Amino acid sequence: MKSVGVFVVLLAAASLLVGCGPGGPVTHQVTGTVTFDGAPVQDGDIVFRDPAGKEKSYGGRIENGEFSLEVSPGAKRVEITAMREVPGEFDTMNPGEKVPLKEPYIPAEYNTNSTLTAEITGAETLSFDLKRAEDGRSSEAE
């Protein structure tokens, strides 16, 4: 009986080791650019999600309008967010000085309600040229 218990423990350990090996999920290098109203997005985030929500999401930074990350193959929903500094409130601790604030400025149609998609089939170079919302609003928080 004791040998059966040892066998089960060894079998469980072996199955864990197989799952942790170098044969992880296949990913491809995805690079590209992101602009908003013709200007490079200076500082933001990009996320590639499985539209069905069953697979892992892949995210990376956007810096000076460019991004680079590893993404699994298949159809993806793309979400892009960015913040910008706006005039802040006066600092109660330092009268006369304003505390800088940041606000999201990429419209929801590119992030929380994203309509952006990409099909990843191998190494990809993508370009996302985002525009201000049709109603003129530029902030998803409005």
Protein backbone atom coordinates (compact mmCIF):
# COMPACT_ATOMS: atom_id res chain seq x y z
CA MET A 1 0.00 0.00 0.00
CA LYS A 2 2.84 2.33 0.86
CA SER A 3 4.39 1.81 -2.60
CA VAL A 4 1.10 2.84 -4.27
CA GLY A 5 1.16 6.14 -2.33
CA VAL A 6 4.78 6.78 -3.33
CA PHE A 7 3.90 5.99 -6.96
CA VAL A 8 0.99 8.47 -6.92
CA VAL A 9 3.20 11.20 -5.42
CA LEU A 10 5.92 10.57 -8.02
CA LEU A 11 3.37 10.57 -10.85
CA ALA A 12 1.91 13.88 -9.65
CA ALA A 13 5.39 15.42 -9.39
CA ALA A 14 6.30 14.22 -12.89
CA SER A 15 3.13 15.72 -14.38
CA LEU A 16 3.91 19.08 -12.74
CA LEU A 17 7.42 19.05 -14.16
CA VAL A 18 6.15 18.35 -17.68
CA GLY A 19 3.89 21.42 -17.48
CA CYS A 20 6.76 23.67 -16.36
CA GLY A 21 9.23 22.85 -19.10
CA PRO A 22 10.44 25.03 -21.96
CA GLY A 23 7.52 23.90 -24.12
CA GLY A 24 5.27 26.73 -22.85
CA PRO A 25 2.69 28.47 -25.00
CA VAL A 26 3.82 29.54 -28.46
CA THR A 27 4.17 33.32 -28.76
CA HIS A 28 5.22 35.68 -31.53
CA GLN A 29 6.99 39.02 -31.39
CA VAL A 30 4.49 41.81 -32.05
CA THR A 31 5.79 45.35 -32.56
CA GLY A 32 4.21 48.49 -33.82
CA THR A 33 3.15 52.08 -33.44
CA VAL A 34 0.25 53.91 -31.83
CA THR A 35 -0.84 57.44 -32.67
CA PHE A 36 -3.74 59.53 -31.41
CA ASP A 37 -5.01 62.31 -33.68
CA GLY A 38 -1.77 62.02 -35.67
CA ALA A 39 0.64 62.32 -32.72
CA PRO A 40 2.56 59.39 -31.19
CA VAL A 41 1.14 58.17 -27.87
CA GLN A 42 4.01 59.10 -25.57
CA ASP A 43 3.19 56.90 -22.58
CA GLY A 44 0.50 54.22 -22.48
CA ASP A 45 -0.40 50.56 -22.38
CA ILE A 46 -1.54 48.02 -24.97
CA VAL A 47 -3.27 44.72 -24.20
CA PHE A 48 -4.06 41.83 -26.56
CA ARG A 49 -7.00 39.76 -25.25
CA ASP A 50 -8.65 36.56 -26.41
CA PRO A 51 -12.15 37.72 -27.49
CA ALA A 52 -13.68 34.66 -25.81
CA GLY A 53 -11.82 35.38 -22.57
CA LYS A 54 -10.51 31.81 -22.34
CA GLU A 55 -6.80 32.43 -22.93
CA LYS A 56 -4.18 34.54 -21.22
CA SER A 57 -3.95 38.26 -22.10
CA TYR A 58 -0.67 39.86 -23.17
CA GLY A 59 0.18 43.45 -22.32
CA GLY A 60 3.01 45.88 -22.82
CA ARG A 61 4.05 49.52 -22.60
CA ILE A 62 3.74 52.13 -25.31
CA GLU A 63 6.67 54.53 -25.21
CA ASN A 64 7.18 57.36 -27.72
CA GLY A 65 4.47 55.83 -29.90
CA GLU A 66 6.04 52.35 -30.10
CA PHE A 67 5.42 48.97 -28.46
CA SER A 68 6.99 45.50 -28.52
CA LEU A 69 5.79 42.34 -26.77
CA GLU A 70 5.22 38.60 -27.14
CA VAL A 71 1.64 37.50 -27.99
CA SER A 72 0.09 34.08 -28.58
CA PRO A 73 -1.33 33.40 -32.06
CA GLY A 74 -4.99 33.89 -32.93
CA ALA A 75 -7.66 36.56 -33.06
CA LYS A 76 -7.20 39.27 -30.42
CA ARG A 77 -9.17 42.21 -29.08
CA VAL A 78 -6.76 45.12 -28.65
CA GLU A 79 -7.11 47.68 -25.85
CA ILE A 80 -5.06 50.88 -25.71
CA THR A 81 -4.96 53.29 -22.77
CA ALA A 82 -2.92 56.41 -22.03
CA MET A 83 -2.89 59.22 -19.49
CA ARG A 84 -1.93 62.88 -19.86
CA GLU A 85 -1.17 65.57 -17.34
CA VAL A 86 -3.83 68.23 -16.81
CA PRO A 87 -3.93 71.31 -14.58
CA GLY A 88 -4.35 70.16 -11.03
CA GLU A 89 -5.89 71.40 -7.85
CA PHE A 90 -4.12 73.84 -5.59
CA ASP A 91 -2.04 72.07 -2.95
CA THR A 92 -3.40 72.83 0.53
CA MET A 93 0.02 72.07 2.03
CA ASN A 94 1.87 74.45 -0.34
CA PRO A 95 -0.36 77.43 -1.18
CA GLY A 96 0.14 78.75 -4.70
CA GLU A 97 1.35 75.38 -6.06
CA LYS A 98 -0.81 73.05 -8.08
CA VAL A 99 -0.73 69.27 -7.71
CA PRO A 100 -0.45 67.72 -11.18
CA LEU A 101 -3.25 65.37 -12.16
CA LYS A 102 -3.50 62.79 -14.91
CA GLU A 103 -6.56 61.85 -16.92
CA PRO A 104 -7.23 59.14 -19.51
CA TYR A 105 -7.58 60.63 -22.97
CA ILE A 106 -7.95 57.69 -25.35
CA PRO A 107 -11.69 57.17 -26.08
CA ALA A 108 -13.42 54.06 -24.69
CA GLU A 109 -13.89 52.65 -28.20
CA TYR A 110 -10.15 51.83 -28.06
CA ASN A 111 -10.06 50.33 -24.54
CA THR A 112 -13.02 49.51 -22.27
CA ASN A 113 -15.35 49.21 -25.30
CA SER A 114 -12.61 48.41 -27.81
CA THR A 115 -13.45 47.82 -31.44
CA LEU A 116 -9.78 47.19 -32.31
CA THR A 117 -8.76 43.70 -33.42
CA ALA A 118 -5.64 41.92 -34.66
CA GLU A 119 -5.00 38.45 -36.07
CA ILE A 120 -1.64 37.15 -34.83
CA THR A 121 -0.22 34.50 -37.16
CA GLY A 122 3.51 35.04 -36.64
CA ALA A 123 5.86 37.94 -36.02
CA GLU A 124 3.72 41.02 -36.70
CA THR A 125 4.22 44.75 -37.16
CA LEU A 126 1.00 46.62 -36.43
CA SER A 127 -0.06 50.26 -36.63
CA PHE A 128 -2.94 51.74 -34.66
CA ASP A 129 -3.96 55.23 -35.80
CA LEU A 130 -6.53 56.31 -33.22
CA LYS A 131 -8.85 59.28 -33.71
CA ARG A 132 -10.88 61.48 -31.38
CA ALA A 133 -14.43 60.24 -30.78
CA GLU A 134 -17.01 61.34 -33.39
CA ASP A 135 -18.82 63.51 -30.85
CA GLY A 136 -15.61 65.47 -30.21
CA ARG A 137 -14.92 64.07 -26.75
CA SER A 138 -11.35 63.00 -26.15
CA SER A 139 -11.56 61.52 -22.68
CA GLU A 140 -13.14 58.22 -21.72
CA ALA A 141 -13.88 59.74 -18.33
CA GLU A 142 -16.25 62.38 -19.75
